Amino acid sequence: MIELKRRPLWVGPFNDVIDDMRRQPFDWKTNDCACKFAGRIVEVLTGENLYAEFEGAYDDAASAYRVMRAAGFTDLADMVAAYLPEYEHPSEAQIGDIMAIPTTSPFGHGLGVLNGERIFTLGETGINHLDRSVATRAFRVG
């Protein structure tokens, strides 16, 4: 795990990424919750690309799961915890932090990005939002 620091004036670029992704539907190859959403947010806030080793390594759910398992993880949130510091409780998270939402998928969790009291997630038509109380884990971005 590396020590990340947020760039000065990160709010504008954060909003630009959200705006850019607002109507882009979820797609394993080009717009997934891990690399293309959470990873892109981390990069725009800190300047660090934590997803480079995984970019282009999968193009569907099965290959993404194999990549996660090959990296030694059985849960997507555990994988994020290897890269970002975890809060003791999700209620401590701040705008721009990565939130883990439990799912019934083999990944165990989906990822979203906190924006106030809402978590932005990716869905079939673009960005959706959930109440922050649904997150069971949260990770500090800088």
N, C-alpha and C. Protein backbone atom coordinates (compact mmCIF):
# COMPACT_ATOMS: atom_id res chain seq x y z
N MET A 1 0.85 -1.17 0.00
CA MET A 1 0.00 0.00 0.00
C MET A 1 0.89 1.24 0.00
N ILE A 2 0.56 2.19 -0.86
CA ILE A 2 1.33 3.43 -0.90
C ILE A 2 0.53 4.54 -0.23
N GLU A 3 1.22 5.54 0.25
CA GLU A 3 0.56 6.68 0.88
C GLU A 3 0.11 7.65 -0.21
N LEU A 4 -1.18 7.81 -0.36
CA LEU A 4 -1.73 8.70 -1.37
C LEU A 4 -2.08 10.04 -0.75
N LYS A 5 -1.89 11.09 -1.53
CA LYS A 5 -2.29 12.43 -1.11
C LYS A 5 -3.14 13.03 -2.22
N ARG A 6 -4.20 13.67 -1.81
CA ARG A 6 -5.06 14.31 -2.80
C ARG A 6 -4.37 15.55 -3.36
N ARG A 7 -4.58 15.72 -4.65
CA ARG A 7 -4.06 16.91 -5.32
C ARG A 7 -4.81 18.14 -4.83
N PRO A 8 -4.15 19.28 -4.86
CA PRO A 8 -4.90 20.51 -4.58
C PRO A 8 -5.96 20.69 -5.68
N LEU A 9 -7.05 21.28 -5.35
CA LEU A 9 -8.11 21.57 -6.32
C LEU A 9 -8.62 20.33 -7.03
N TRP A 10 -8.80 19.23 -6.29
CA TRP A 10 -9.25 17.96 -6.87
C TRP A 10 -10.75 17.94 -7.17
N VAL A 11 -11.51 18.85 -6.59
CA VAL A 11 -12.97 18.81 -6.73
C VAL A 11 -13.41 18.98 -8.18
N GLY A 12 -12.83 19.91 -8.91
CA GLY A 12 -13.20 20.11 -10.31
C GLY A 12 -12.96 18.88 -11.16
N PRO A 13 -11.75 18.29 -11.13
CA PRO A 13 -11.52 17.06 -11.89
C PRO A 13 -12.41 15.90 -11.44
N PHE A 14 -12.71 15.81 -10.14
CA PHE A 14 -13.63 14.78 -9.64
C PHE A 14 -14.99 14.94 -10.32
N ASN A 15 -15.51 16.15 -10.33
CA ASN A 15 -16.81 16.41 -10.96
C ASN A 15 -16.76 16.16 -12.46
N ASP A 16 -15.62 16.46 -13.09
CA ASP A 16 -15.48 16.21 -14.53
C ASP A 16 -15.59 14.72 -14.84
N VAL A 17 -14.96 13.86 -14.02
CA VAL A 17 -15.05 12.41 -14.24
C VAL A 17 -16.48 11.94 -14.07
N ILE A 18 -17.13 12.40 -13.03
CA ILE A 18 -18.53 12.01 -12.79
C ILE A 18 -19.38 12.45 -13.99
N ASP A 19 -19.18 13.68 -14.44
CA ASP A 19 -19.93 14.19 -15.60
C ASP A 19 -19.66 13.36 -16.85
N ASP A 20 -18.41 13.01 -17.07
CA ASP A 20 -18.01 12.22 -18.23
C ASP A 20 -18.65 10.84 -18.22
N MET A 21 -18.79 10.26 -17.04
CA MET A 21 -19.30 8.89 -16.92
C MET A 21 -20.80 8.82 -16.70
N ARG A 22 -21.44 9.95 -16.51
CA ARG A 22 -22.85 10.01 -16.13
C ARG A 22 -23.76 9.12 -16.98
N ARG A 23 -23.54 9.09 -18.28
CA ARG A 23 -24.43 8.33 -19.16
C ARG A 23 -23.72 7.17 -19.86
N GLN A 24 -22.55 6.80 -19.39
CA GLN A 24 -21.84 5.66 -19.96
C GLN A 24 -22.26 4.39 -19.22
N PRO A 25 -22.90 3.47 -19.89
CA PRO A 25 -23.36 2.25 -19.20
C PRO A 25 -22.20 1.36 -18.75
N PHE A 26 -22.48 0.57 -17.76
CA PHE A 26 -21.51 -0.40 -17.27
C PHE A 26 -21.09 -1.31 -18.41
N ASP A 27 -19.80 -1.56 -18.50
CA ASP A 27 -19.26 -2.48 -19.50
C ASP A 27 -17.94 -3.03 -18.95
N TRP A 28 -17.80 -4.33 -18.92
CA TRP A 28 -16.61 -4.94 -18.32
C TRP A 28 -15.32 -4.47 -18.97
N LYS A 29 -15.35 -4.21 -20.24
CA LYS A 29 -14.12 -3.87 -20.96
C LYS A 29 -13.78 -2.38 -20.86
N THR A 30 -14.79 -1.52 -20.89
CA THR A 30 -14.52 -0.08 -20.98
C THR A 30 -15.04 0.76 -19.83
N ASN A 31 -15.92 0.21 -18.98
CA ASN A 31 -16.54 1.04 -17.94
C ASN A 31 -17.04 0.18 -16.78
N ASP A 32 -16.11 -0.42 -16.07
CA ASP A 32 -16.48 -1.27 -14.93
C ASP A 32 -16.33 -0.49 -13.63
N CYS A 33 -16.79 -1.09 -12.53
CA CYS A 33 -16.77 -0.37 -11.25
C CYS A 33 -15.37 -0.31 -10.62
N ALA A 34 -14.50 -1.22 -10.98
CA ALA A 34 -13.19 -1.28 -10.33
C ALA A 34 -12.17 -0.36 -11.03
N CYS A 35 -11.67 -0.79 -12.16
CA CYS A 35 -10.63 -0.03 -12.86
C CYS A 35 -11.12 1.29 -13.42
N LYS A 36 -12.18 1.23 -14.19
CA LYS A 36 -12.61 2.42 -14.93
C LYS A 36 -13.36 3.44 -14.10
N PHE A 37 -13.94 3.05 -12.99
CA PHE A 37 -14.65 4.03 -12.16
C PHE A 37 -13.85 4.33 -10.90
N ALA A 38 -13.74 3.37 -10.00
CA ALA A 38 -13.00 3.61 -8.76
C ALA A 38 -11.54 3.95 -9.06
N GLY A 39 -10.92 3.20 -9.95
CA GLY A 39 -9.52 3.46 -10.28
C GLY A 39 -9.31 4.82 -10.91
N ARG A 40 -10.22 5.20 -11.77
CA ARG A 40 -10.12 6.51 -12.42
C ARG A 40 -10.30 7.64 -11.41
N ILE A 41 -11.20 7.46 -10.45
CA ILE A 41 -11.39 8.47 -9.41
C ILE A 41 -10.12 8.61 -8.57
N VAL A 42 -9.53 7.48 -8.18
CA VAL A 42 -8.28 7.53 -7.41
C VAL A 42 -7.22 8.28 -8.20
N GLU A 43 -7.13 7.99 -9.48
CA GLU A 43 -6.10 8.64 -10.30
C GLU A 43 -6.34 10.15 -10.43
N VAL A 44 -7.56 10.57 -10.64
CA VAL A 44 -7.82 12.00 -10.81
C VAL A 44 -7.64 12.75 -9.49
N LEU A 45 -7.93 12.11 -8.37
CA LEU A 45 -7.77 12.77 -7.08
C LEU A 45 -6.32 12.81 -6.60
N THR A 46 -5.54 11.78 -6.96
CA THR A 46 -4.18 11.67 -6.40
C THR A 46 -3.06 11.69 -7.44
N GLY A 47 -3.38 11.42 -8.69
CA GLY A 47 -2.35 11.32 -9.71
C GLY A 47 -1.75 9.93 -9.83
N GLU A 48 -2.19 8.99 -8.99
CA GLU A 48 -1.64 7.64 -8.98
C GLU A 48 -2.58 6.67 -9.71
N ASN A 49 -2.04 5.91 -10.65
CA ASN A 49 -2.80 4.90 -11.36
C ASN A 49 -2.58 3.56 -10.68
N LEU A 50 -3.52 3.16 -9.84
CA LEU A 50 -3.41 1.90 -9.11
C LEU A 50 -3.95 0.71 -9.90
N TYR A 51 -4.57 0.98 -11.03
CA TYR A 51 -5.21 -0.11 -11.78
C TYR A 51 -4.44 -0.51 -13.04
N ALA A 52 -3.29 0.07 -13.28
CA ALA A 52 -2.55 -0.19 -14.52
C ALA A 52 -2.29 -1.67 -14.76
N GLU A 53 -1.96 -2.41 -13.70
CA GLU A 53 -1.65 -3.83 -13.88
C GLU A 53 -2.86 -4.66 -14.28
N PHE A 54 -4.07 -4.14 -14.07
CA PHE A 54 -5.29 -4.88 -14.38
C PHE A 54 -5.99 -4.38 -15.64
N GLU A 55 -5.61 -3.21 -16.11
CA GLU A 55 -6.27 -2.62 -17.27
C GLU A 55 -6.08 -3.51 -18.50
N GLY A 56 -7.19 -3.82 -19.15
CA GLY A 56 -7.16 -4.65 -20.34
C GLY A 56 -6.99 -6.14 -20.06
N ALA A 57 -6.94 -6.53 -18.79
CA ALA A 57 -6.72 -7.94 -18.44
C ALA A 57 -8.01 -8.75 -18.46
N TYR A 58 -9.15 -8.11 -18.60
CA TYR A 58 -10.43 -8.82 -18.61
C TYR A 58 -11.42 -8.10 -19.50
N ASP A 59 -12.42 -8.84 -19.98
CA ASP A 59 -13.43 -8.22 -20.82
C ASP A 59 -14.84 -8.72 -20.53
N ASP A 60 -14.97 -9.55 -19.50
CA ASP A 60 -16.30 -9.99 -19.07
C ASP A 60 -16.20 -10.40 -17.59
N ALA A 61 -17.33 -10.76 -17.01
CA ALA A 61 -17.36 -11.09 -15.58
C ALA A 61 -16.46 -12.27 -15.25
N ALA A 62 -16.48 -13.30 -16.10
CA ALA A 62 -15.68 -14.49 -15.82
C ALA A 62 -14.19 -14.18 -15.83
N SER A 63 -13.73 -13.43 -16.82
CA SER A 63 -12.30 -13.12 -16.87
C SER A 63 -11.91 -12.13 -15.77
N ALA A 64 -12.80 -11.21 -15.40
CA ALA A 64 -12.52 -10.31 -14.29
C ALA A 64 -12.39 -11.09 -12.98
N TYR A 65 -13.25 -12.05 -12.81
CA TYR A 65 -13.18 -12.89 -11.59
C TYR A 65 -11.87 -13.68 -11.57
N ARG A 66 -11.48 -14.23 -12.70
CA ARG A 66 -10.21 -14.98 -12.77
C ARG A 66 -9.02 -14.07 -12.43
N VAL A 67 -9.04 -12.84 -12.92
CA VAL A 67 -7.96 -11.90 -12.62
C VAL A 67 -7.91 -11.61 -11.12
N MET A 68 -9.07 -11.39 -10.52
CA MET A 68 -9.13 -11.13 -9.08
C MET A 68 -8.59 -12.32 -8.30
N ARG A 69 -9.01 -13.51 -8.68
CA ARG A 69 -8.55 -14.74 -8.00
C ARG A 69 -7.05 -14.96 -8.21
N ALA A 70 -6.56 -14.71 -9.41
CA ALA A 70 -5.13 -14.87 -9.69
C ALA A 70 -4.29 -13.90 -8.88
N ALA A 71 -4.87 -12.75 -8.53
CA ALA A 71 -4.17 -11.77 -7.69
C ALA A 71 -4.22 -12.17 -6.22
N GLY A 72 -4.94 -13.26 -5.91
CA GLY A 72 -4.98 -13.77 -4.55
C GLY A 72 -6.15 -13.34 -3.71
N PHE A 73 -7.22 -12.87 -4.35
CA PHE A 73 -8.37 -12.37 -3.60
C PHE A 73 -9.64 -13.13 -3.96
N THR A 74 -10.54 -13.26 -2.98
CA THR A 74 -11.83 -13.88 -3.21
C THR A 74 -12.96 -12.86 -3.10
N ASP A 75 -12.62 -11.61 -2.78
CA ASP A 75 -13.60 -10.56 -2.60
C ASP A 75 -13.01 -9.25 -3.14
N LEU A 76 -13.78 -8.52 -3.92
CA LEU A 76 -13.30 -7.28 -4.51
C LEU A 76 -12.91 -6.26 -3.45
N ALA A 77 -13.65 -6.19 -2.36
CA ALA A 77 -13.32 -5.24 -1.29
C ALA A 77 -11.97 -5.58 -0.65
N ASP A 78 -11.67 -6.87 -0.50
CA ASP A 78 -10.36 -7.26 0.03
C ASP A 78 -9.24 -6.83 -0.92
N MET A 79 -9.52 -6.90 -2.19
CA MET A 79 -8.53 -6.48 -3.18
C MET A 79 -8.26 -4.97 -3.05
N VAL A 80 -9.31 -4.18 -2.91
CA VAL A 80 -9.14 -2.74 -2.73
C VAL A 80 -8.35 -2.45 -1.46
N ALA A 81 -8.63 -3.22 -0.41
CA ALA A 81 -7.93 -3.02 0.88
C ALA A 81 -6.43 -3.25 0.76
N ALA A 82 -5.99 -3.99 -0.25
CA ALA A 82 -4.56 -4.19 -0.47
C ALA A 82 -3.89 -2.94 -1.05
N TYR A 83 -4.71 -2.01 -1.57
CA TYR A 83 -4.17 -0.82 -2.21
C TYR A 83 -4.49 0.48 -1.47
N LEU A 84 -5.62 0.51 -0.78
CA LEU A 84 -6.07 1.73 -0.10
C LEU A 84 -6.32 1.45 1.38
N PRO A 85 -6.02 2.42 2.25
CA PRO A 85 -6.32 2.23 3.67
C PRO A 85 -7.83 2.18 3.92
N GLU A 86 -8.22 1.27 4.79
CA GLU A 86 -9.65 1.08 5.08
C GLU A 86 -10.04 1.84 6.34
N TYR A 87 -11.20 2.47 6.29
CA TYR A 87 -11.75 3.11 7.47
C TYR A 87 -12.26 2.04 8.43
N GLU A 88 -12.29 2.38 9.72
CA GLU A 88 -12.85 1.44 10.69
C GLU A 88 -14.33 1.24 10.45
N HIS A 89 -15.00 2.29 10.00
CA HIS A 89 -16.44 2.21 9.71
C HIS A 89 -16.74 3.07 8.48
N PRO A 90 -17.63 2.61 7.60
CA PRO A 90 -17.94 3.39 6.39
C PRO A 90 -18.44 4.81 6.65
N SER A 91 -18.99 5.05 7.83
CA SER A 91 -19.49 6.39 8.14
C SER A 91 -18.38 7.43 8.20
N GLU A 92 -17.13 7.01 8.29
CA GLU A 92 -15.99 7.93 8.34
C GLU A 92 -15.58 8.44 6.96
N ALA A 93 -16.06 7.83 5.91
CA ALA A 93 -15.64 8.17 4.55
C ALA A 93 -16.04 9.59 4.17
N GLN A 94 -15.25 10.15 3.26
CA GLN A 94 -15.45 11.51 2.76
C GLN A 94 -15.71 11.47 1.26
N ILE A 95 -16.12 12.58 0.71
CA ILE A 95 -16.36 12.68 -0.73
C ILE A 95 -15.12 12.21 -1.50
N GLY A 96 -15.35 11.36 -2.49
CA GLY A 96 -14.27 10.84 -3.32
C GLY A 96 -13.70 9.53 -2.84
N ASP A 97 -14.06 9.09 -1.64
CA ASP A 97 -13.57 7.80 -1.14
C ASP A 97 -14.31 6.65 -1.82
N ILE A 98 -13.67 5.50 -1.84
CA ILE A 98 -14.23 4.31 -2.48
C ILE A 98 -15.07 3.54 -1.46
N MET A 99 -16.27 3.17 -1.87
CA MET A 99 -17.20 2.47 -1.00
C MET A 99 -17.45 1.07 -1.56
N ALA A 100 -17.54 0.08 -0.67
CA ALA A 100 -17.82 -1.30 -1.07
C ALA A 100 -19.26 -1.64 -0.67
N ILE A 101 -20.01 -2.07 -1.66
CA ILE A 101 -21.42 -2.41 -1.47
C ILE A 101 -21.58 -3.92 -1.65
N PRO A 102 -22.14 -4.61 -0.66
CA PRO A 102 -22.28 -6.06 -0.79
C PRO A 102 -23.18 -6.44 -1.96
N THR A 103 -22.79 -7.52 -2.64
CA THR A 103 -23.59 -8.04 -3.75
C THR A 103 -23.71 -9.56 -3.60
N THR A 104 -24.59 -10.13 -4.37
CA THR A 104 -24.72 -11.59 -4.38
C THR A 104 -23.84 -12.20 -5.46
N SER A 105 -23.05 -11.38 -6.14
CA SER A 105 -22.17 -11.88 -7.20
C SER A 105 -20.97 -12.60 -6.58
N PRO A 106 -20.23 -13.34 -7.37
CA PRO A 106 -19.02 -14.00 -6.86
C PRO A 106 -17.96 -13.00 -6.36
N PHE A 107 -18.06 -11.74 -6.76
CA PHE A 107 -17.09 -10.72 -6.35
C PHE A 107 -17.29 -10.29 -4.90
N GLY A 108 -18.43 -10.59 -4.32
CA GLY A 108 -18.69 -10.25 -2.92
C GLY A 108 -19.13 -8.82 -2.71
N HIS A 109 -18.54 -7.89 -3.43
CA HIS A 109 -18.85 -6.47 -3.32
C HIS A 109 -18.76 -5.82 -4.70
N GLY A 110 -19.51 -4.76 -4.87
CA GLY A 110 -19.34 -3.85 -5.99
C GLY A 110 -18.71 -2.59 -5.43
N LEU A 111 -18.17 -1.75 -6.28
CA LEU A 111 -17.52 -0.53 -5.82
C LEU A 111 -18.28 0.70 -6.28
N GLY A 112 -18.25 1.70 -5.44
CA GLY A 112 -18.83 2.99 -5.77
C GLY A 112 -17.96 4.08 -5.22
N VAL A 113 -18.35 5.32 -5.48
CA VAL A 113 -17.60 6.48 -5.04
C VAL A 113 -18.53 7.38 -4.25
N LEU A 114 -18.08 7.78 -3.07
CA LEU A 114 -18.93 8.60 -2.20
C LEU A 114 -18.99 10.03 -2.69
N ASN A 115 -20.21 10.57 -2.69
CA ASN A 115 -20.44 11.98 -2.99
C ASN A 115 -21.50 12.48 -2.02
N GLY A 116 -21.08 12.98 -0.89
CA GLY A 116 -22.00 13.43 0.15
C GLY A 116 -22.67 12.25 0.83
N GLU A 117 -23.99 12.23 0.84
CA GLU A 117 -24.74 11.14 1.46
C GLU A 117 -25.11 10.05 0.46
N ARG A 118 -24.62 10.17 -0.77
CA ARG A 118 -24.93 9.22 -1.82
C ARG A 118 -23.66 8.54 -2.31
N ILE A 119 -23.80 7.31 -2.75
CA ILE A 119 -22.71 6.58 -3.37
C ILE A 119 -23.04 6.46 -4.85
N PHE A 120 -22.14 6.96 -5.68
CA PHE A 120 -22.31 6.79 -7.12
C PHE A 120 -21.83 5.40 -7.49
N THR A 121 -22.63 4.69 -8.27
CA THR A 121 -22.29 3.37 -8.77
C THR A 121 -22.57 3.35 -10.27
N LEU A 122 -22.07 2.32 -10.95
CA LEU A 122 -22.34 2.19 -12.38
C LEU A 122 -23.47 1.22 -12.61
N GLY A 123 -24.34 1.57 -13.55
CA GLY A 123 -25.46 0.71 -13.90
C GLY A 123 -25.62 0.63 -15.41
N GLU A 124 -26.68 0.02 -15.84
CA GLU A 124 -26.91 -0.20 -17.27
C GLU A 124 -27.04 1.09 -18.07
N THR A 125 -27.49 2.17 -17.45
CA THR A 125 -27.67 3.42 -18.18
C THR A 125 -26.67 4.49 -17.79
N GLY A 126 -25.73 4.16 -16.95
CA GLY A 126 -24.73 5.14 -16.51
C GLY A 126 -24.64 5.15 -14.99
N ILE A 127 -24.41 6.32 -14.44
CA ILE A 127 -24.22 6.43 -13.00
C ILE A 127 -25.57 6.37 -12.28
N ASN A 128 -25.62 5.51 -11.29
CA ASN A 128 -26.76 5.42 -10.36
C ASN A 128 -26.28 5.94 -9.01
N HIS A 129 -27.18 6.02 -8.07
CA HIS A 129 -26.74 6.40 -6.73
C HIS A 129 -27.53 5.63 -5.68
N LEU A 130 -26.83 5.35 -4.59
CA LEU A 130 -27.39 4.63 -3.45
C LEU A 130 -27.13 5.44 -2.19
N ASP A 131 -27.90 5.18 -1.17
CA ASP A 131 -27.64 5.81 0.12
C ASP A 131 -26.33 5.27 0.68
N ARG A 132 -25.54 6.11 1.30
CA ARG A 132 -24.24 5.69 1.81
C ARG A 132 -24.34 4.61 2.88
N SER A 133 -25.50 4.44 3.48
CA SER A 133 -25.67 3.45 4.55
C SER A 133 -25.60 2.02 4.03
N VAL A 134 -25.69 1.80 2.72
CA VAL A 134 -25.62 0.44 2.19
C VAL A 134 -24.19 -0.09 2.13
N ALA A 135 -23.20 0.78 2.21
CA ALA A 135 -21.80 0.35 2.15
C ALA A 135 -21.41 -0.35 3.44
N THR A 136 -20.69 -1.43 3.30
CA THR A 136 -20.20 -2.16 4.47
C THR A 136 -18.72 -1.93 4.71
N ARG A 137 -18.02 -1.37 3.72
CA ARG A 137 -16.62 -1.06 3.86
C ARG A 137 -16.34 0.22 3.09
N ALA A 138 -15.30 0.95 3.52
CA ALA A 138 -14.93 2.20 2.84
C ALA A 138 -13.42 2.37 2.89
N PHE A 139 -12.88 2.99 1.82
CA PHE A 139 -11.43 3.10 1.66
C PHE A 139 -11.04 4.55 1.36
N ARG A 140 -10.01 5.01 2.04
CA ARG A 140 -9.59 6.40 1.94
C ARG A 140 -8.76 6.63 0.68
N VAL A 141 -9.14 7.66 -0.05
CA VAL A 141 -8.41 8.07 -1.24
C VAL A 141 -7.68 9.38 -0.90
N GLY A 142 -6.47 9.25 -0.47
CA GLY A 142 -5.63 10.40 -0.13
C GLY A 142 -6.01 11.11 1.13
